[in-house]
Amino acid sequence: MSGIEDSRRLDMPAGSAPLAGHQVARIGFGAMQLPGPHVWGPPPDRDMALAVLRRAVELGVNHIDTAHYYGARVSNELIHAALHPYPEDLVLVSKVGAERDDQGGWIPAQRPEQLRAGVEANLQSLGVEQVDVVNLRFLDDGQAPPDQRVDMESQLAEMASLRDEGKIGGIGVSNVTIDQLRRALPIGIACVQNAYSLLDRSGEPLLDLCREHDLAWVPYFPLGSAFPGVAKVTEHPAVVAAAAALCATPAQVGLAWLLAHDPHILVIPGTSSLAHLAENIAAASVHLDPRTMNVLSGLAVPPG
């Protein structure tokens, strides 16, 4: 636990930002870590998972990112059990474009009828008539098997139909290239979810485009990842040094840099721990002076 306290709600320096017509606190909560290992099966401690969700809302979180296929169905079921009936200002964001097999493997689900089924499954498991935002996750080039090679326009058209029917409030896109984002803009996009952190600035051109069109940028892997080839922000010496100087944690410094870098950035750190939840939310109170920002911003060179 850092010296930065968490007793206040999120009327903190991080402030709020628009997301699909809602104002949300810029520190939200990602539900991916609530299910069991490898995002599969029930959590090791169900009561703790429920407590984390309730405490997040008590601390001012009003933006929760989830997916029906986390678990599968586990994260949505936990959110419903912990928080339903939902607070009026709570914005639930889910995603489609994947499913899980019987062993917990990740399989693509990109066809229009699969996207629709994914939205319907989210509506049922969350117990809502409309999901506030649904992100369409695109596959990397060459990753899709033949039966999943669906043109982008067909996928977006199905998402627009679901929005027109009132089943989703806004459309987000995830894992997109800048060309794909430009092609998606005409249908009306609420947010973009791509990998991004102070050590991975490869998405900077997309962030620039989000800034130009006033879209929320919601990075995944905001602190890096244990996956091979993904740098861990919390282990970089400059981040560790900054954290020590501020009596904060390296994770708080990594999140604080994102919040200070651009007002369009919303962060959704996930955890299954009450202590880590408090630390993540307290990142809103970590102030990075200009010199520290310059040092951290120079750790990775953005494209162009």
Protein backbone atom coordinates (compact mmCIF):
# COMPACT_ATOMS: atom_id res chain seq x y z
CA MET A 1 0.00 0.00 0.00
CA SER A 2 1.37 3.41 -0.93
CA GLY A 3 1.29 6.63 1.00
CA ILE A 4 -1.43 7.90 -1.35
CA GLU A 5 -4.74 7.36 0.43
CA ASP A 6 -7.93 6.15 -1.25
CA SER A 7 -10.64 7.37 1.13
CA ARG A 8 -12.19 9.84 -1.30
CA ARG A 9 -14.36 9.13 -4.29
CA LEU A 10 -13.04 9.92 -7.74
CA ASP A 11 -13.64 13.67 -7.65
CA MET A 12 -9.85 13.78 -7.90
CA PRO A 13 -7.37 15.43 -10.27
CA ALA A 14 -7.94 12.73 -12.91
CA GLY A 15 -11.49 14.05 -13.31
CA SER A 16 -14.02 12.60 -15.73
CA ALA A 17 -14.33 12.27 -19.48
CA PRO A 18 -17.09 11.50 -22.00
CA LEU A 19 -17.81 7.94 -23.11
CA ALA A 20 -20.72 7.26 -25.47
CA GLY A 21 -22.72 10.18 -24.12
CA HIS A 22 -21.91 9.46 -20.46
CA GLN A 23 -19.46 11.16 -18.13
CA VAL A 24 -17.24 8.57 -16.48
CA ALA A 25 -14.40 8.77 -13.98
CA ARG A 26 -11.14 8.41 -15.86
CA ILE A 27 -10.13 5.46 -13.69
CA GLY A 28 -12.50 2.59 -14.31
CA PHE A 29 -12.31 -1.12 -13.59
CA GLY A 30 -11.45 -4.02 -15.89
CA ALA A 31 -13.19 -7.27 -14.93
CA MET A 32 -10.86 -9.64 -16.80
CA GLN A 33 -8.97 -10.66 -13.64
CA LEU A 34 -12.07 -11.63 -11.67
CA PRO A 35 -12.55 -15.19 -13.07
CA GLY A 36 -10.17 -18.03 -12.34
CA PRO A 37 -6.70 -18.59 -13.83
CA HIS A 38 -6.39 -17.89 -17.57
CA VAL A 39 -9.70 -16.01 -17.39
CA TRP A 40 -11.52 -19.32 -17.06
CA GLY A 41 -13.89 -20.69 -14.46
CA PRO A 42 -14.99 -19.26 -11.13
CA PRO A 43 -12.73 -17.06 -9.00
CA PRO A 44 -10.70 -18.65 -6.21
CA ASP A 45 -12.61 -16.45 -3.74
CA ARG A 46 -16.08 -15.47 -4.94
CA ASP A 47 -16.82 -13.31 -1.90
CA MET A 48 -13.63 -11.34 -2.49
CA ALA A 49 -14.49 -10.83 -6.17
CA LEU A 50 -17.90 -9.46 -5.20
CA ALA A 51 -16.32 -7.25 -2.55
CA VAL A 52 -13.85 -5.79 -5.06
CA LEU A 53 -16.68 -4.83 -7.43
CA ARG A 54 -18.73 -3.24 -4.67
CA ARG A 55 -15.74 -1.37 -3.27
CA ALA A 56 -14.83 -0.07 -6.73
CA VAL A 57 -18.25 1.53 -7.06
CA GLU A 58 -18.05 2.88 -3.49
CA LEU A 59 -14.79 4.62 -4.44
CA GLY A 60 -16.40 6.29 -7.43
CA VAL A 61 -15.77 3.89 -10.31
CA ASN A 62 -18.64 4.20 -12.78
CA HIS A 63 -17.09 2.49 -15.81
CA ILE A 64 -16.65 -1.29 -15.78
CA ASP A 65 -15.16 -3.15 -18.73
CA THR A 66 -16.14 -6.79 -19.15
CA ALA A 67 -17.01 -9.49 -21.68
CA HIS A 68 -19.45 -12.37 -21.67
CA TYR A 69 -16.61 -14.71 -22.66
CA TYR A 70 -14.54 -13.85 -19.58
CA GLY A 71 -14.94 -16.99 -17.57
CA ALA A 72 -16.91 -17.80 -19.71
CA ARG A 73 -19.90 -15.83 -18.37
CA VAL A 74 -18.15 -15.55 -14.98
CA SER A 75 -17.25 -11.85 -14.93
CA ASN A 76 -20.71 -10.78 -16.09
CA GLU A 77 -22.37 -13.03 -13.53
CA LEU A 78 -20.22 -11.55 -10.77
CA ILE A 79 -21.01 -8.00 -11.87
CA HIS A 80 -24.73 -8.79 -11.82
CA ALA A 81 -24.53 -10.50 -8.43
CA ALA A 82 -22.51 -7.68 -6.87
CA LEU A 83 -24.13 -4.59 -8.34
CA HIS A 84 -27.60 -5.25 -9.75
CA PRO A 85 -29.74 -3.18 -9.67
CA TYR A 86 -27.01 -0.99 -11.07
CA PRO A 87 -26.30 2.60 -10.01
CA GLU A 88 -27.81 5.06 -12.47
CA ASP A 89 -24.42 6.42 -13.50
CA LEU A 90 -22.70 3.05 -13.99
CA VAL A 91 -21.52 2.50 -17.57
CA LEU A 92 -21.07 -1.13 -18.55
CA VAL A 93 -18.79 -1.82 -21.51
CA SER A 94 -18.48 -5.27 -23.04
CA LYS A 95 -16.99 -6.74 -26.18
CA VAL A 96 -17.71 -9.26 -28.91
CA GLY A 97 -15.64 -11.00 -31.56
CA ALA A 98 -14.52 -14.06 -29.57
CA GLU A 99 -15.86 -17.09 -27.74
CA ARG A 100 -14.39 -19.83 -25.55
CA ASP A 101 -14.28 -23.55 -26.24
CA ASP A 102 -15.00 -26.23 -23.64
CA GLN A 103 -11.38 -26.21 -22.45
CA GLY A 104 -11.22 -22.43 -22.09
CA GLY A 105 -9.45 -21.84 -25.39
CA TRP A 106 -10.01 -18.54 -27.18
CA ILE A 107 -11.75 -18.87 -30.54
CA PRO A 108 -12.79 -16.11 -32.95
CA ALA A 109 -16.46 -15.26 -33.49
CA GLN A 110 -16.47 -12.58 -36.18
CA ARG A 111 -19.45 -13.47 -38.35
CA PRO A 112 -22.40 -11.05 -38.06
CA GLU A 113 -24.68 -13.67 -36.52
CA GLN A 114 -22.00 -14.43 -33.93
CA LEU A 115 -21.62 -10.76 -33.07
CA ARG A 116 -25.37 -10.53 -32.55
CA ALA A 117 -25.36 -13.67 -30.41
CA GLY A 118 -22.54 -12.21 -28.35
CA VAL A 119 -24.50 -9.02 -27.68
CA GLU A 120 -27.60 -11.03 -26.74
CA ALA A 121 -25.52 -13.14 -24.35
CA ASN A 122 -24.19 -9.98 -22.68
CA LEU A 123 -27.69 -8.57 -22.30
CA GLN A 124 -28.85 -11.77 -20.63
CA SER A 125 -25.90 -12.28 -18.30
CA LEU A 126 -25.70 -8.64 -17.23
CA GLY A 127 -29.47 -8.39 -16.84
CA VAL A 128 -29.88 -5.22 -18.90
CA GLU A 129 -31.95 -4.12 -21.87
CA GLN A 130 -29.01 -2.24 -23.37
CA VAL A 131 -25.26 -2.55 -22.97
CA ASP A 132 -23.90 1.00 -22.82
CA VAL A 133 -20.95 0.28 -25.14
CA VAL A 134 -19.88 -2.87 -26.97
CA ASN A 135 -16.40 -3.13 -28.43
CA LEU A 136 -15.88 -5.07 -31.63
CA ARG A 137 -12.51 -6.78 -31.40
CA PHE A 138 -10.85 -7.34 -34.74
CA LEU A 139 -8.47 -10.20 -35.40
CA ASP A 140 -4.85 -9.68 -36.35
CA ASP A 141 -4.13 -10.10 -40.05
CA GLY A 142 -3.85 -13.77 -40.94
CA GLN A 143 -5.19 -14.89 -37.57
CA ALA A 144 -8.71 -15.71 -38.69
CA PRO A 145 -9.57 -19.20 -39.94
CA PRO A 146 -11.38 -19.33 -43.32
CA ASP A 147 -14.88 -19.37 -41.83
CA GLN A 148 -14.09 -16.23 -39.80
CA ARG A 149 -12.72 -14.08 -42.60
CA VAL A 150 -15.49 -11.53 -42.56
CA ASP A 151 -15.10 -8.15 -44.19
CA MET A 152 -14.95 -5.25 -41.79
CA GLU A 153 -17.92 -3.46 -43.30
CA SER A 154 -20.22 -6.43 -42.66
CA GLN A 155 -19.18 -6.57 -39.02
CA LEU A 156 -19.65 -2.84 -38.53
CA ALA A 157 -23.03 -2.94 -40.27
CA GLU A 158 -24.24 -5.58 -37.81
CA MET A 159 -23.02 -3.52 -34.88
CA ALA A 160 -24.81 -0.46 -36.27
CA SER A 161 -28.01 -2.50 -36.59
CA LEU A 162 -27.72 -3.60 -32.97
CA ARG A 163 -27.28 0.02 -31.96
CA ASP A 164 -30.27 1.09 -34.04
CA GLU A 165 -32.34 -1.60 -32.30
CA GLY A 166 -31.34 -0.18 -28.91
CA LYS A 167 -29.45 -3.28 -27.79
CA ILE A 168 -26.20 -1.34 -27.49
CA GLY A 169 -25.70 2.34 -26.77
CA GLY A 170 -22.36 2.91 -28.48
CA ILE A 171 -19.91 1.03 -30.67
CA GLY A 172 -16.25 0.68 -29.78
CA VAL A 173 -13.46 -0.98 -31.73
CA SER A 174 -10.49 -2.90 -30.40
CA ASN A 175 -7.20 -4.15 -31.79
CA VAL A 176 -7.53 -1.89 -34.83
CA THR A 177 -5.06 -0.40 -37.26
CA ILE A 178 -5.25 3.28 -38.09
CA ASP A 179 -6.70 2.42 -41.51
CA GLN A 180 -9.42 0.31 -39.89
CA LEU A 181 -10.25 3.10 -37.46
CA ARG A 182 -10.60 5.59 -40.31
CA ARG A 183 -12.93 3.19 -42.11
CA ALA A 184 -15.01 2.71 -38.96
CA LEU A 185 -15.41 6.41 -38.12
CA PRO A 186 -18.38 7.09 -40.45
CA ILE A 187 -20.72 4.77 -38.52
CA GLY A 188 -20.02 6.60 -35.25
CA ILE A 189 -17.43 5.23 -32.84
CA ALA A 190 -17.45 5.80 -29.08
CA CYS A 191 -14.03 4.48 -28.06
CA VAL A 192 -10.93 2.59 -29.13
CA GLN A 193 -9.21 -0.19 -27.16
CA ASN A 194 -5.67 -1.00 -28.24
CA ALA A 195 -2.49 -1.95 -26.42
CA TYR A 196 -0.73 1.15 -25.12
CA SER A 197 1.46 2.19 -22.22
CA LEU A 198 4.35 4.54 -21.49
CA LEU A 199 6.65 1.76 -22.75
CA ASP A 200 4.49 0.91 -25.78
CA ARG A 201 3.72 4.04 -27.76
CA SER A 202 3.03 2.21 -31.03
CA GLY A 203 -0.60 3.32 -30.84
CA GLU A 204 0.23 7.03 -30.71
CA PRO A 205 -1.05 7.74 -34.26
CA LEU A 206 -4.38 6.17 -33.31
CA LEU A 207 -4.49 8.26 -30.15
CA ASP A 208 -3.90 11.33 -32.32
CA LEU A 209 -6.89 10.32 -34.45
CA CYS A 210 -9.00 9.78 -31.33
CA ARG A 211 -8.02 13.25 -30.16
CA GLU A 212 -9.00 14.70 -33.54
CA HIS A 213 -12.45 13.08 -33.39
CA ASP A 214 -12.92 13.41 -29.60
CA LEU A 215 -13.03 9.65 -28.98
CA ALA A 216 -12.15 7.88 -25.76
CA TRP A 217 -8.86 5.93 -25.87
CA VAL A 218 -9.05 2.99 -23.46
CA PRO A 219 -5.74 1.13 -23.50
CA TYR A 220 -5.38 -2.51 -22.65
CA PHE A 221 -2.04 -3.62 -21.20
CA PRO A 222 -1.70 -0.12 -19.64
CA LEU A 223 1.08 -1.48 -17.41
CA GLY A 224 2.46 -4.00 -19.86
CA SER A 225 1.85 -7.70 -19.49
CA ALA A 226 3.35 -11.03 -18.52
CA PHE A 227 2.90 -12.15 -22.12
CA PRO A 228 6.19 -12.67 -23.99
CA GLY A 229 7.45 -9.58 -25.74
CA VAL A 230 5.29 -7.13 -23.76
CA ALA A 231 7.39 -4.88 -21.52
CA LYS A 232 6.32 -4.49 -17.90
CA VAL A 233 6.02 -0.83 -16.98
CA THR A 234 6.35 -1.55 -13.26
CA GLU A 235 9.82 -3.07 -13.72
CA HIS A 236 11.46 -0.22 -15.62
CA PRO A 237 14.14 1.48 -13.46
CA ALA A 238 12.93 5.00 -14.33
CA VAL A 239 9.39 4.12 -13.27
CA VAL A 240 10.62 2.50 -10.06
CA ALA A 241 12.73 5.60 -9.29
CA ALA A 242 9.83 7.96 -9.93
CA ALA A 243 7.60 5.87 -7.67
CA ALA A 244 10.15 5.97 -4.85
CA ALA A 245 10.47 9.75 -5.13
CA LEU A 246 6.70 10.16 -4.96
CA CYS A 247 6.04 7.59 -2.21
CA ALA A 248 3.83 5.83 -4.74
CA THR A 249 3.91 2.43 -6.42
CA PRO A 250 5.31 1.83 -9.92
CA ALA A 251 1.80 0.84 -11.05
CA GLN A 252 0.44 4.16 -9.84
CA VAL A 253 3.15 6.00 -11.75
CA GLY A 254 2.35 4.08 -14.93
CA LEU A 255 -1.36 4.88 -14.61
CA ALA A 256 -0.70 8.50 -13.64
CA TRP A 257 1.44 8.98 -16.77
CA LEU A 258 -1.44 7.78 -18.94
CA LEU A 259 -3.90 10.12 -17.24
CA ALA A 260 -1.53 13.08 -17.61
CA HIS A 261 -0.52 12.27 -21.18
CA ASP A 262 -3.90 12.97 -22.76
CA PRO A 263 -7.39 13.78 -21.43
CA HIS A 264 -8.97 11.33 -23.88
CA ILE A 265 -7.33 8.39 -22.08
CA LEU A 266 -9.48 6.30 -19.75
CA VAL A 267 -7.75 3.56 -17.77
CA ILE A 268 -9.39 0.31 -16.67
CA PRO A 269 -6.87 -1.50 -14.46
CA GLY A 270 -8.17 -4.81 -13.20
CA THR A 271 -7.52 -6.70 -10.01
CA SER A 272 -9.03 -9.30 -7.71
CA SER A 273 -7.49 -7.65 -4.62
CA LEU A 274 -9.00 -4.91 -2.47
CA ALA A 275 -5.53 -3.55 -1.69
CA HIS A 276 -4.54 -3.33 -5.35
CA LEU A 277 -7.91 -1.77 -6.17
CA ALA A 278 -7.24 1.00 -3.66
CA GLU A 279 -3.74 1.54 -5.08
CA ASN A 280 -5.05 1.73 -8.65
CA ILE A 281 -7.73 4.26 -7.81
CA ALA A 282 -5.30 6.34 -5.76
CA ALA A 283 -3.26 6.84 -8.94
CA ALA A 284 -5.70 9.69 -9.60
CA SER A 285 -3.92 11.64 -6.87
CA VAL A 286 -0.37 11.05 -8.11
CA HIS A 287 1.02 14.24 -9.64
CA LEU A 288 3.89 13.92 -12.08
CA ASP A 289 5.88 17.15 -12.40
CA PRO A 290 7.06 18.27 -15.88
CA ARG A 291 10.54 16.84 -15.43
CA THR A 292 9.22 13.43 -14.43
CA MET A 293 6.72 13.47 -17.30
CA ASN A 294 9.53 14.26 -19.74
CA VAL A 295 11.69 11.42 -18.42
CA LEU A 296 8.84 8.91 -18.59
CA SER A 297 7.64 10.13 -21.99
CA GLY A 298 11.12 9.58 -23.37
CA LEU A 299 11.23 5.90 -22.45
CA ALA A 300 9.54 4.91 -25.67
CA VAL A 301 9.62 6.77 -28.98
CA PRO A 302 6.20 7.01 -30.64
CA PRO A 303 5.98 6.25 -34.38
CA GLY A 304 6.62 9.23 -36.63
